[in-house]
């Protein structure tokens, strides 16, 4: 089988990737869809598509709340959101497979003199 990797097909695929539109909180969706590794995540807030809908890490729910490193958890959650977008919230015939996630960059956003 030969894959269609033409610029037109790639553009159509890129445009088909949309944010998840649901009233289900991210924490609940991840817990239900990935119960083995996402039950009871120390998060709150939205799905993280905008600053207003940011994913909030609830520091007091971490085993060592004084100095947690969020980098591993951030990557884990980003990977699961991608699976939600490209597999779980799609019709069977529109699902992706063989997804490989690679982080390109990460930086804090400062708002009113504080990291957000």
PDB file of N, CA and C in Angstrom:
ATOM      1  N   UNK A   1       0.852  -1.184   0.000  1.00  0.00           N
ATOM      2  CA  UNK A   1       0.000   0.000   0.000  1.00  0.00           C
ATOM      3  C   UNK A   1       0.892   1.240   0.000  1.00  0.00           C
ATOM      4  N   UNK A   2       0.610   2.166  -0.845  1.00  0.00           N
ATOM      5  CA  UNK A   2       1.372   3.411  -0.924  1.00  0.00           C
ATOM      6  C   UNK A   2       0.593   4.538  -0.245  1.00  0.00           C
ATOM      7  N   UNK A   3       1.280   5.280   0.614  1.00  0.00           N
ATOM      8  CA  UNK A   3       0.656   6.366   1.349  1.00  0.00           C
ATOM      9  C   UNK A   3       0.614   7.626   0.495  1.00  0.00           C
ATOM     10  N   UNK A   4      -0.499   8.344   0.598  1.00  0.00           N
ATOM     11  CA  UNK A   4      -0.640   9.622  -0.093  1.00  0.00           C
ATOM     12  C   UNK A   4      -0.059  10.703   0.818  1.00  0.00           C
ATOM     13  N   UNK A   5       1.117  11.160   0.491  1.00  0.00           N
ATOM     14  CA  UNK A   5       1.761  12.209   1.285  1.00  0.00           C
ATOM     15  C   UNK A   5       1.865  13.513   0.505  1.00  0.00           C
ATOM     16  N   UNK A   6       0.968  13.689  -0.435  1.00  0.00           N
ATOM     17  CA  UNK A   6       0.988  14.903  -1.240  1.00  0.00           C
ATOM     18  C   UNK A   6       0.736  16.125  -0.353  1.00  0.00           C
ATOM     19  N   UNK A   7       1.203  17.287  -0.758  1.00  0.00           N
ATOM     20  CA  UNK A   7       0.956  18.507   0.034  1.00  0.00           C
ATOM     21  C   UNK A   7      -0.528  18.752   0.287  1.00  0.00           C
ATOM     22  N   UNK A   8      -1.361  18.435  -0.684  1.00  0.00           N
ATOM     23  CA  UNK A   8      -2.800  18.633  -0.515  1.00  0.00           C
ATOM     24  C   UNK A   8      -3.358  17.722   0.577  1.00  0.00           C
ATOM     25  N   UNK A   9      -2.932  16.450   0.562  1.00  0.00           N
ATOM     26  CA  UNK A   9      -3.407  15.494   1.567  1.00  0.00           C
ATOM     27  C   UNK A   9      -2.903  15.881   2.952  1.00  0.00           C
ATOM     28  N   UNK A  10      -1.647  16.289   3.036  1.00  0.00           N
ATOM     29  CA  UNK A  10      -1.079  16.686   4.320  1.00  0.00           C
ATOM     30  C   UNK A  10      -1.788  17.923   4.865  1.00  0.00           C
ATOM     31  N   UNK A  11      -2.119  18.872   3.994  1.00  0.00           N
ATOM     32  CA  UNK A  11      -2.850  20.077   4.423  1.00  0.00           C
ATOM     33  C   UNK A  11      -4.239  19.703   4.932  1.00  0.00           C
ATOM     34  N   UNK A  12      -4.904  18.791   4.249  1.00  0.00           N
ATOM     35  CA  UNK A  12      -6.239  18.350   4.671  1.00  0.00           C
ATOM     36  C   UNK A  12      -6.165  17.647   6.028  1.00  0.00           C
ATOM     37  N   UNK A  13      -5.167  16.816   6.226  1.00  0.00           N
ATOM     38  CA  UNK A  13      -4.998  16.146   7.521  1.00  0.00           C
ATOM     39  C   UNK A  13      -4.734  17.161   8.625  1.00  0.00           C
ATOM     40  N   UNK A  14      -3.863  18.116   8.344  1.00  0.00           N
ATOM     41  CA  UNK A  14      -3.536  19.139   9.336  1.00  0.00           C
ATOM     42  C   UNK A  14      -4.787  19.925   9.732  1.00  0.00           C
ATOM     43  N   UNK A  15      -5.622  20.266   8.767  1.00  0.00           N
ATOM     44  CA  UNK A  15      -6.838  21.034   9.059  1.00  0.00           C
ATOM     45  C   UNK A  15      -7.868  20.208   9.806  1.00  0.00           C
ATOM     46  N   UNK A  16      -7.785  18.874   9.706  1.00  0.00           N
ATOM     47  CA  UNK A  16      -8.756  18.020  10.382  1.00  0.00           C
ATOM     48  C   UNK A  16      -8.471  17.891  11.879  1.00  0.00           C
ATOM     49  N   UNK A  17      -7.298  18.299  12.317  1.00  0.00           N
ATOM     50  CA  UNK A  17      -6.935  18.191  13.729  1.00  0.00           C
ATOM     51  C   UNK A  17      -7.461  19.425  14.461  1.00  0.00           C
ATOM     52  N   UNK A  18      -8.421  19.196  15.301  1.00  0.00           N
ATOM     53  CA  UNK A  18      -9.093  20.287  16.003  1.00  0.00           C
ATOM     54  C   UNK A  18      -9.081  20.030  17.503  1.00  0.00           C
ATOM     55  N   UNK A  19      -9.191  21.078  18.292  1.00  0.00           N
ATOM     56  CA  UNK A  19      -9.307  20.885  19.737  1.00  0.00           C
ATOM     57  C   UNK A  19     -10.542  20.050  20.077  1.00  0.00           C
ATOM     58  N   UNK A  20     -10.450  19.332  21.163  1.00  0.00           N
ATOM     59  CA  UNK A  20     -11.581  18.546  21.651  1.00  0.00           C
ATOM     60  C   UNK A  20     -12.641  19.516  22.164  1.00  0.00           C
ATOM     61  N   UNK A  21     -13.855  19.370  21.680  1.00  0.00           N
ATOM     62  CA  UNK A  21     -14.963  20.201  22.140  1.00  0.00           C
ATOM     63  C   UNK A  21     -15.898  19.335  22.977  1.00  0.00           C
ATOM     64  N   UNK A  22     -15.787  19.494  24.287  1.00  0.00           N
ATOM     65  CA  UNK A  22     -16.593  18.697  25.202  1.00  0.00           C
ATOM     66  C   UNK A  22     -16.778  19.457  26.500  1.00  0.00           C
ATOM     67  N   UNK A  23     -17.822  19.122  27.222  1.00  0.00           N
ATOM     68  CA  UNK A  23     -18.054  19.698  28.544  1.00  0.00           C
ATOM     69  C   UNK A  23     -17.390  18.858  29.634  1.00  0.00           C
ATOM     70  N   UNK A  24     -16.811  17.736  29.243  1.00  0.00           N
ATOM     71  CA  UNK A  24     -16.152  16.858  30.200  1.00  0.00           C
ATOM     72  C   UNK A  24     -14.802  17.468  30.589  1.00  0.00           C
ATOM     73  N   UNK A  25     -14.554  17.671  31.878  1.00  0.00           N
ATOM     74  CA  UNK A  25     -13.264  18.214  32.301  1.00  0.00           C
ATOM     75  C   UNK A  25     -12.122  17.291  31.880  1.00  0.00           C
ATOM     76  N   UNK A  26     -10.958  17.871  31.595  1.00  0.00           N
ATOM     77  CA  UNK A  26      -9.802  17.092  31.163  1.00  0.00           C
ATOM     78  C   UNK A  26      -9.474  16.000  32.169  1.00  0.00           C
ATOM     79  N   UNK A  27      -9.431  16.342  33.431  1.00  0.00           N
ATOM     80  CA  UNK A  27      -9.086  15.349  34.463  1.00  0.00           C
ATOM     81  C   UNK A  27     -10.013  14.139  34.393  1.00  0.00           C
ATOM     82  N   UNK A  28     -11.304  14.372  34.216  1.00  0.00           N
ATOM     83  CA  UNK A  28     -12.275  13.293  34.132  1.00  0.00           C
ATOM     84  C   UNK A  28     -12.077  12.470  32.856  1.00  0.00           C
ATOM     85  N   UNK A  29     -11.895  13.152  31.720  1.00  0.00           N
ATOM     86  CA  UNK A  29     -11.712  12.448  30.442  1.00  0.00           C
ATOM     87  C   UNK A  29     -10.475  11.554  30.492  1.00  0.00           C
ATOM     88  N   UNK A  30      -9.366  12.088  30.993  1.00  0.00           N
ATOM     89  CA  UNK A  30      -8.143  11.288  31.056  1.00  0.00           C
ATOM     90  C   UNK A  30      -8.296  10.126  32.026  1.00  0.00           C
ATOM     91  N   UNK A  31      -8.951  10.358  33.139  1.00  0.00           N
ATOM     92  CA  UNK A  31      -9.159   9.297  34.118  1.00  0.00           C
ATOM     93  C   UNK A  31     -10.018   8.172  33.550  1.00  0.00           C
ATOM     94  N   UNK A  32     -11.040   8.516  32.788  1.00  0.00           N
ATOM     95  CA  UNK A  32     -11.928   7.512  32.198  1.00  0.00           C
ATOM     96  C   UNK A  32     -11.268   6.786  31.026  1.00  0.00           C
ATOM     97  N   UNK A  33     -10.537   7.518  30.192  1.00  0.00           N
ATOM     98  CA  UNK A  33      -9.953   6.930  28.987  1.00  0.00           C
ATOM     99  C   UNK A  33      -8.622   6.228  29.242  1.00  0.00           C
ATOM    100  N   UNK A  34      -7.909   6.647  30.280  1.00  0.00           N
ATOM    101  CA  UNK A  34      -6.596   6.073  30.606  1.00  0.00           C
ATOM    102  C   UNK A  34      -6.524   5.788  32.107  1.00  0.00           C
ATOM    103  N   UNK A  35      -7.370   4.884  32.610  1.00  0.00           N
ATOM    104  CA  UNK A  35      -7.445   4.672  34.058  1.00  0.00           C
ATOM    105  C   UNK A  35      -6.152   4.138  34.684  1.00  0.00           C
ATOM    106  N   UNK A  36      -5.334   3.444  33.919  1.00  0.00           N
ATOM    107  CA  UNK A  36      -4.097   2.866  34.475  1.00  0.00           C
ATOM    108  C   UNK A  36      -3.087   3.939  34.879  1.00  0.00           C
ATOM    109  N   UNK A  37      -2.970   5.000  34.065  1.00  0.00           N
ATOM    110  CA  UNK A  37      -1.928   5.983  34.357  1.00  0.00           C
ATOM    111  C   UNK A  37      -2.426   7.416  34.490  1.00  0.00           C
ATOM    112  N   UNK A  38      -3.738   7.620  34.444  1.00  0.00           N
ATOM    113  CA  UNK A  38      -4.249   8.991  34.559  1.00  0.00           C
ATOM    114  C   UNK A  38      -5.335   9.148  35.621  1.00  0.00           C
ATOM    115  N   UNK A  39      -5.556   8.114  36.421  1.00  0.00           N
ATOM    116  CA  UNK A  39      -6.544   8.249  37.497  1.00  0.00           C
ATOM    117  C   UNK A  39      -5.957   9.166  38.569  1.00  0.00           C
ATOM    118  N   UNK A  40      -6.754  10.065  39.063  1.00  0.00           N
ATOM    119  CA  UNK A  40      -6.361  10.962  40.157  1.00  0.00           C
ATOM    120  C   UNK A  40      -5.168  11.855  39.833  1.00  0.00           C
ATOM    121  N   UNK A  41      -5.082  12.346  38.614  1.00  0.00           N
ATOM    122  CA  UNK A  41      -4.014  13.287  38.283  1.00  0.00           C
ATOM    123  C   UNK A  41      -4.181  14.562  39.115  1.00  0.00           C
ATOM    124  N   UNK A  42      -3.100  15.148  39.581  1.00  0.00           N
ATOM    125  CA  UNK A  42      -3.185  16.371  40.391  1.00  0.00           C
ATOM    126  C   UNK A  42      -3.359  17.605  39.507  1.00  0.00           C
ATOM    127  N   UNK A  43      -4.461  17.626  38.729  1.00  0.00           N
ATOM    128  CA  UNK A  43      -4.714  18.745  37.825  1.00  0.00           C
ATOM    129  C   UNK A  43      -6.133  19.262  38.003  1.00  0.00           C
ATOM    130  N   UNK A  44      -6.333  20.483  37.553  1.00  0.00           N
ATOM    131  CA  UNK A  44      -7.648  21.127  37.512  1.00  0.00           C
ATOM    132  C   UNK A  44      -7.637  22.032  36.282  1.00  0.00           C
ATOM    133  N   UNK A  45      -8.689  22.784  36.098  1.00  0.00           N
ATOM    134  CA  UNK A  45      -8.735  23.727  34.985  1.00  0.00           C
ATOM    135  C   UNK A  45      -9.281  23.095  33.715  1.00  0.00           C
ATOM    136  N   UNK A  46      -8.922  23.708  32.582  1.00  0.00           N
ATOM    137  CA  UNK A  46      -9.455  23.285  31.299  1.00  0.00           C
ATOM    138  C   UNK A  46      -8.536  22.346  30.539  1.00  0.00           C
ATOM    139  N   UNK A  47      -8.709  22.339  29.214  1.00  0.00           N
ATOM    140  CA  UNK A  47      -7.954  21.442  28.344  1.00  0.00           C
ATOM    141  C   UNK A  47      -6.630  22.054  27.885  1.00  0.00           C
ATOM    142  N   UNK A  48      -6.342  23.294  28.244  1.00  0.00           N
ATOM    143  CA  UNK A  48      -5.049  23.893  27.957  1.00  0.00           C
ATOM    144  C   UNK A  48      -4.892  24.484  26.573  1.00  0.00           C
ATOM    145  N   UNK A  49      -5.978  24.722  25.863  1.00  0.00           N
ATOM    146  CA  UNK A  49      -5.870  25.283  24.507  1.00  0.00           C
ATOM    147  C   UNK A  49      -5.587  26.782  24.515  1.00  0.00           C
ATOM    148  N   UNK A  50      -5.985  27.456  25.578  1.00  0.00           N
ATOM    149  CA  UNK A  50      -5.718  28.883  25.724  1.00  0.00           C
ATOM    150  C   UNK A  50      -5.256  29.126  27.160  1.00  0.00           C
ATOM    151  N   UNK A  51      -4.730  30.307  27.420  1.00  0.00           N
ATOM    152  CA  UNK A  51      -4.317  30.641  28.775  1.00  0.00           C
ATOM    153  C   UNK A  51      -5.516  30.641  29.721  1.00  0.00           C
ATOM    154  N   UNK A  52      -6.643  31.102  29.230  1.00  0.00           N
ATOM    155  CA  UNK A  52      -7.856  31.126  30.057  1.00  0.00           C
ATOM    156  C   UNK A  52      -8.307  29.715  30.433  1.00  0.00           C
ATOM    157  N   UNK A  53      -8.024  28.739  29.569  1.00  0.00           N
ATOM    158  CA  UNK A  53      -8.402  27.344  29.815  1.00  0.00           C
ATOM    159  C   UNK A  53      -7.189  26.507  30.214  1.00  0.00           C
ATOM    160  N   UNK A  54      -6.243  27.124  30.898  1.00  0.00           N
ATOM    161  CA  UNK A  54      -4.990  26.454  31.250  1.00  0.00           C
ATOM    162  C   UNK A  54      -5.228  25.226  32.119  1.00  0.00           C
ATOM    163  N   UNK A  55      -4.313  24.276  31.993  1.00  0.00           N
ATOM    164  CA  UNK A  55      -4.291  23.124  32.884  1.00  0.00           C
ATOM    165  C   UNK A  55      -3.548  23.577  34.137  1.00  0.00           C
ATOM    166  N   UNK A  56      -4.163  23.374  35.281  1.00  0.00           N
ATOM    167  CA  UNK A  56      -3.599  23.817  36.548  1.00  0.00           C
ATOM    168  C   UNK A  56      -3.075  22.603  37.307  1.00  0.00           C
ATOM    169  N   UNK A  57      -1.814  22.677  37.725  1.00  0.00           N
ATOM    170  CA  UNK A  57      -1.226  21.618  38.536  1.00  0.00           C
ATOM    171  C   UNK A  57      -1.498  21.946  39.993  1.00  0.00           C
ATOM    172  N   UNK A  58      -2.175  21.046  40.693  1.00  0.00           N
ATOM    173  CA  UNK A  58      -2.564  21.276  42.078  1.00  0.00           C
ATOM    174  C   UNK A  58      -1.431  20.796  42.982  1.00  0.00           C
ATOM    175  N   UNK A  59      -0.579  21.750  43.355  1.00  0.00           N
ATOM    176  CA  UNK A  59       0.663  21.445  44.079  1.00  0.00           C
ATOM    177  C   UNK A  59       0.422  20.639  45.351  1.00  0.00           C
ATOM    178  N   UNK A  60      -0.617  20.948  46.099  1.00  0.00           N
ATOM    179  CA  UNK A  60      -0.839  20.268  47.379  1.00  0.00           C
ATOM    180  C   UNK A  60      -1.215  18.792  47.201  1.00  0.00           C
ATOM    181  N   UNK A  61      -1.551  18.370  45.970  1.00  0.00           N
ATOM    182  CA  UNK A  61      -1.897  16.967  45.724  1.00  0.00           C
ATOM    183  C   UNK A  61      -0.677  16.128  45.318  1.00  0.00           C
ATOM    184  N   UNK A  62       0.496  16.743  45.229  1.00  0.00           N
ATOM    185  CA  UNK A  62       1.718  16.016  44.902  1.00  0.00           C
ATOM    186  C   UNK A  62       2.290  15.407  46.179  1.00  0.00           C
ATOM    187  N   UNK A  63       3.020  14.290  46.056  1.00  0.00           N
ATOM    188  CA  UNK A  63       3.615  13.676  47.250  1.00  0.00           C
ATOM    189  C   UNK A  63       4.560  14.615  47.995  1.00  0.00           C
ATOM    190  N   UNK A  64       5.356  15.409  47.254  1.00  0.00           N
ATOM    191  CA  UNK A  64       6.247  16.401  47.852  1.00  0.00           C
ATOM    192  C   UNK A  64       5.862  17.758  47.279  1.00  0.00           C
ATOM    193  N   UNK A  65       4.843  18.396  47.814  1.00  0.00           N
ATOM    194  CA  UNK A  65       4.332  19.635  47.208  1.00  0.00           C
ATOM    195  C   UNK A  65       5.297  20.809  47.191  1.00  0.00           C
ATOM    196  N   UNK A  66       6.337  20.776  47.987  1.00  0.00           N
ATOM    197  CA  UNK A  66       7.228  21.933  48.034  1.00  0.00           C
ATOM    198  C   UNK A  66       8.105  22.060  46.802  1.00  0.00           C
ATOM    199  N   UNK A  67       8.433  20.961  46.128  1.00  0.00           N
ATOM    200  CA  UNK A  67       9.349  21.065  44.993  1.00  0.00           C
ATOM    201  C   UNK A  67       9.040  20.055  43.887  1.00  0.00           C
ATOM    202  N   UNK A  68       7.814  20.007  43.395  1.00  0.00           N
ATOM    203  CA  UNK A  68       7.564  19.052  42.319  1.00  0.00           C
ATOM    204  C   UNK A  68       8.102  19.567  40.981  1.00  0.00           C
ATOM    205  N   UNK A  69       8.520  18.641  40.161  1.00  0.00           N
ATOM    206  CA  UNK A  69       8.896  18.986  38.793  1.00  0.00           C
ATOM    207  C   UNK A  69       7.719  18.603  37.909  1.00  0.00           C
ATOM    208  N   UNK A  70       7.182  19.568  37.217  1.00  0.00           N
ATOM    209  CA  UNK A  70       6.010  19.311  36.393  1.00  0.00           C
ATOM    210  C   UNK A  70       6.351  18.832  34.977  1.00  0.00           C
ATOM    211  N   UNK A  71       7.630  18.858  34.587  1.00  0.00           N
ATOM    212  CA  UNK A  71       8.005  18.560  33.198  1.00  0.00           C
ATOM    213  C   UNK A  71       7.515  17.200  32.735  1.00  0.00           C
ATOM    214  N   UNK A  72       7.729  16.162  33.497  1.00  0.00           N
ATOM    215  CA  UNK A  72       7.285  14.829  33.109  1.00  0.00           C
ATOM    216  C   UNK A  72       5.778  14.736  33.008  1.00  0.00           C
ATOM    217  N   UNK A  73       5.087  15.339  33.966  1.00  0.00           N
ATOM    218  CA  UNK A  73       3.627  15.325  33.955  1.00  0.00           C
ATOM    219  C   UNK A  73       3.083  16.144  32.793  1.00  0.00           C
ATOM    220  N   UNK A  74       3.709  17.266  32.492  1.00  0.00           N
ATOM    221  CA  UNK A  74       3.284  18.087  31.354  1.00  0.00           C
ATOM    222  C   UNK A  74       3.365  17.286  30.057  1.00  0.00           C
ATOM    223  N   UNK A  75       4.474  16.595  29.849  1.00  0.00           N
ATOM    224  CA  UNK A  75       4.660  15.784  28.645  1.00  0.00           C
ATOM    225  C   UNK A  75       3.617  14.672  28.595  1.00  0.00           C
ATOM    226  N   UNK A  76       3.400  14.003  29.720  1.00  0.00           N
ATOM    227  CA  UNK A  76       2.429  12.906  29.803  1.00  0.00           C
ATOM    228  C   UNK A  76       1.022  13.392  29.440  1.00  0.00           C
ATOM    229  N   UNK A  77       0.628  14.519  29.997  1.00  0.00           N
ATOM    230  CA  UNK A  77      -0.706  15.062  29.722  1.00  0.00           C
ATOM    231  C   UNK A  77      -0.817  15.504  28.265  1.00  0.00           C
ATOM    232  N   UNK A  78       0.214  16.156  27.737  1.00  0.00           N
ATOM    233  CA  UNK A  78       0.184  16.571  26.328  1.00  0.00           C
ATOM    234  C   UNK A  78       0.013  15.366  25.415  1.00  0.00           C
ATOM    235  N   UNK A  79       0.721  14.296  25.705  1.00  0.00           N
ATOM    236  CA  UNK A  79       0.601  13.070  24.906  1.00  0.00           C
ATOM    237  C   UNK A  79      -0.823  12.522  24.964  1.00  0.00           C
ATOM    238  N   UNK A  80      -1.416  12.495  26.129  1.00  0.00           N
ATOM    239  CA  UNK A  80      -2.772  11.965  26.277  1.00  0.00           C
ATOM    240  C   UNK A  80      -3.797  12.863  25.587  1.00  0.00           C
ATOM    241  N   UNK A  81      -3.608  14.190  25.636  1.00  0.00           N
ATOM    242  CA  UNK A  81      -4.525  15.095  24.933  1.00  0.00           C
ATOM    243  C   UNK A  81      -4.448  14.842  23.426  1.00  0.00           C
ATOM    244  N   UNK A  82      -3.253  14.604  22.919  1.00  0.00           N
ATOM    245  CA  UNK A  82      -3.099  14.304  21.494  1.00  0.00           C
ATOM    246  C   UNK A  82      -3.849  13.024  21.143  1.00  0.00           C
ATOM    247  N   UNK A  83      -3.761  12.000  21.987  1.00  0.00           N
ATOM    248  CA  UNK A  83      -4.520  10.775  21.745  1.00  0.00           C
ATOM    249  C   UNK A  83      -6.023  11.049  21.761  1.00  0.00           C
ATOM    250  N   UNK A  84      -6.455  11.889  22.713  1.00  0.00           N
ATOM    251  CA  UNK A  84      -7.884  12.251  22.764  1.00  0.00           C
ATOM    252  C   UNK A  84      -8.305  12.911  21.456  1.00  0.00           C
ATOM    253  N   UNK A  85      -7.480  13.851  20.962  1.00  0.00           N
ATOM    254  CA  UNK A  85      -7.804  14.594  19.739  1.00  0.00           C
ATOM    255  C   UNK A  85      -7.790  13.713  18.483  1.00  0.00           C
ATOM    256  N   UNK A  86      -6.809  12.837  18.387  1.00  0.00           N
ATOM    257  CA  UNK A  86      -6.592  12.099  17.141  1.00  0.00           C
ATOM    258  C   UNK A  86      -7.177  10.698  17.108  1.00  0.00           C
ATOM    259  N   UNK A  87      -7.626  10.212  18.268  1.00  0.00           N
ATOM    260  CA  UNK A  87      -8.173   8.859  18.297  1.00  0.00           C
ATOM    261  C   UNK A  87      -9.538   8.812  18.987  1.00  0.00           C
ATOM    262  N   UNK A  88      -9.556   9.111  20.268  1.00  0.00           N
ATOM    263  CA  UNK A  88     -10.734   8.845  21.095  1.00  0.00           C
ATOM    264  C   UNK A  88     -11.957   9.666  20.690  1.00  0.00           C
ATOM    265  N   UNK A  89     -11.787  10.954  20.416  1.00  0.00           N
ATOM    266  CA  UNK A  89     -12.930  11.807  20.092  1.00  0.00           C
ATOM    267  C   UNK A  89     -13.260  11.809  18.597  1.00  0.00           C
ATOM    268  N   UNK A  90     -12.724  10.866  17.838  1.00  0.00           N
ATOM    269  CA  UNK A  90     -12.978  10.786  16.394  1.00  0.00           C
ATOM    270  C   UNK A  90     -13.804   9.551  16.060  1.00  0.00           C
ATOM    271  N   UNK A  91     -14.492   9.632  14.934  1.00  0.00           N
ATOM    272  CA  UNK A  91     -15.195   8.453  14.423  1.00  0.00           C
ATOM    273  C   UNK A  91     -14.155   7.400  14.049  1.00  0.00           C
ATOM    274  N   UNK A  92     -14.530   6.154  14.086  1.00  0.00           N
ATOM    275  CA  UNK A  92     -13.611   5.044  13.811  1.00  0.00           C
ATOM    276  C   UNK A  92     -12.828   5.250  12.515  1.00  0.00           C
ATOM    277  N   UNK A  93     -13.507   5.668  11.456  1.00  0.00           N
ATOM    278  CA  UNK A  93     -12.848   5.800  10.157  1.00  0.00           C
ATOM    279  C   UNK A  93     -11.944   7.034  10.048  1.00  0.00           C
ATOM    280  N   UNK A  94     -12.002   7.933  11.020  1.00  0.00           N
ATOM    281  CA  UNK A  94     -11.183   9.153  10.997  1.00  0.00           C
ATOM    282  C   UNK A  94     -10.035   9.131  11.997  1.00  0.00           C
ATOM    283  N   UNK A  95      -9.807   7.990  12.639  1.00  0.00           N
ATOM    284  CA  UNK A  95      -8.779   7.910  13.673  1.00  0.00           C
ATOM    285  C   UNK A  95      -7.385   7.780  13.081  1.00  0.00           C
ATOM    286  N   UNK A  96      -6.436   8.331  13.805  1.00  0.00           N
ATOM    287  CA  UNK A  96      -5.026   8.237  13.441  1.00  0.00           C
ATOM    288  C   UNK A  96      -4.395   7.065  14.188  1.00  0.00           C
ATOM    289  N   UNK A  97      -3.229   6.649  13.740  1.00  0.00           N
ATOM    290  CA  UNK A  97      -2.462   5.627  14.456  1.00  0.00           C
ATOM    291  C   UNK A  97      -0.977   5.893  14.242  1.00  0.00           C
ATOM    292  N   UNK A  98      -0.139   5.232  15.033  1.00  0.00           N
ATOM    293  CA  UNK A  98       1.298   5.408  14.899  1.00  0.00           C
ATOM    294  C   UNK A  98       1.764   6.804  15.254  1.00  0.00           C
ATOM    295  N   UNK A  99       1.145   7.406  16.249  1.00  0.00           N
ATOM    296  CA  UNK A  99       1.447   8.780  16.632  1.00  0.00           C
ATOM    297  C   UNK A  99       2.763   8.817  17.410  1.00  0.00           C
ATOM    298  N   UNK A 100       3.661   9.678  16.996  1.00  0.00           N
ATOM    299  CA  UNK A 100       4.949   9.866  17.664  1.00  0.00           C
ATOM    300  C   UNK A 100       5.040  11.317  18.107  1.00  0.00           C
ATOM    301  N   UNK A 101       5.112  11.526  19.402  1.00  0.00           N
ATOM    302  CA  UNK A 101       5.139  12.871  19.963  1.00  0.00           C
ATOM    303  C   UNK A 101       6.582  13.260  20.269  1.00  0.00           C
ATOM    304  N   UNK A 102       6.974  14.434  19.787  1.00  0.00           N
ATOM    305  CA  UNK A 102       8.302  14.948  20.082  1.00  0.00           C
ATOM    306  C   UNK A 102       8.187  16.409  20.480  1.00  0.00           C
ATOM    307  N   UNK A 103       8.702  16.731  21.642  1.00  0.00           N
ATOM    308  CA  UNK A 103       8.647  18.102  22.135  1.00  0.00           C
ATOM    309  C   UNK A 103       9.634  18.973  21.365  1.00  0.00           C
ATOM    310  N   UNK A 104       9.147  20.103  20.873  1.00  0.00           N
ATOM    311  CA  UNK A 104      10.015  21.046  20.162  1.00  0.00           C
ATOM    312  C   UNK A 104      10.547  22.123  21.087  1.00  0.00           C
ATOM    313  N   UNK A 105       9.700  22.637  21.969  1.00  0.00           N
ATOM    314  CA  UNK A 105      10.148  23.670  22.895  1.00  0.00           C
ATOM    315  C   UNK A 105       9.182  23.754  24.064  1.00  0.00           C
ATOM    316  N   UNK A 106       9.646  24.426  25.095  1.00  0.00           N
ATOM    317  CA  UNK A 106       8.816  24.658  26.274  1.00  0.00           C
ATOM    318  C   UNK A 106       9.359  25.890  26.975  1.00  0.00           C
ATOM    319  N   UNK A 107       8.478  26.772  27.375  1.00  0.00           N
ATOM    320  CA  UNK A 107       8.910  27.968  28.089  1.00  0.00           C
ATOM    321  C   UNK A 107       7.772  28.488  28.937  1.00  0.00           C
ATOM    322  N   UNK A 108       8.094  29.104  30.076  1.00  0.00           N
ATOM    323  CA  UNK A 108       7.039  29.670  30.919  1.00  0.00           C
ATOM    324  C   UNK A 108       6.474  30.942  30.284  1.00  0.00           C
ATOM    325  N   UNK A 109       5.247  31.206  30.587  1.00  0.00           N
ATOM    326  CA  UNK A 109       4.598  32.434  30.130  1.00  0.00           C
ATOM    327  C   UNK A 109       4.470  33.335  31.340  1.00  0.00           C
ATOM    328  N   UNK A 110       4.906  34.569  31.210  1.00  0.00           N
ATOM    329  CA  UNK A 110       4.838  35.518  32.314  1.00  0.00           C
ATOM    330  C   UNK A 110       3.658  36.452  32.119  1.00  0.00           C
ATOM    331  N   UNK A 111       2.891  36.601  33.184  1.00  0.00           N
ATOM    332  CA  UNK A 111       1.743  37.494  33.158  1.00  0.00           C
ATOM    333  C   UNK A 111       1.752  38.285  34.449  1.00  0.00           C
ATOM    334  N   UNK A 112       1.714  39.596  34.343  1.00  0.00           N
ATOM    335  CA  UNK A 112       1.733  40.488  35.508  1.00  0.00           C
ATOM    336  C   UNK A 112       2.940  40.201  36.421  1.00  0.00           C
ATOM    337  N   UNK A 113       4.098  39.945  35.800  1.00  0.00           N
ATOM    338  CA  UNK A 113       5.315  39.744  36.567  1.00  0.00           C
ATOM    339  C   UNK A 113       5.473  38.390  37.217  1.00  0.00           C
ATOM    340  N   UNK A 114       4.592  37.463  36.929  1.00  0.00           N
ATOM    341  CA  UNK A 114       4.724  36.135  37.521  1.00  0.00           C
ATOM    342  C   UNK A 114       4.564  35.070  36.434  1.00  0.00           C
ATOM    343  N   UNK A 115       5.214  33.933  36.644  1.00  0.00           N
ATOM    344  CA  UNK A 115       5.074  32.827  35.701  1.00  0.00           C
ATOM    345  C   UNK A 115       3.679  32.245  35.810  1.00  0.00           C
ATOM    346  N   UNK A 116       3.103  31.926  34.655  1.00  0.00           N
ATOM    347  CA  UNK A 116       1.775  31.321  34.656  1.00  0.00           C
ATOM    348  C   UNK A 116       1.814  29.984  33.977  1.00  0.00           C
TER     349      UNK A 116
END
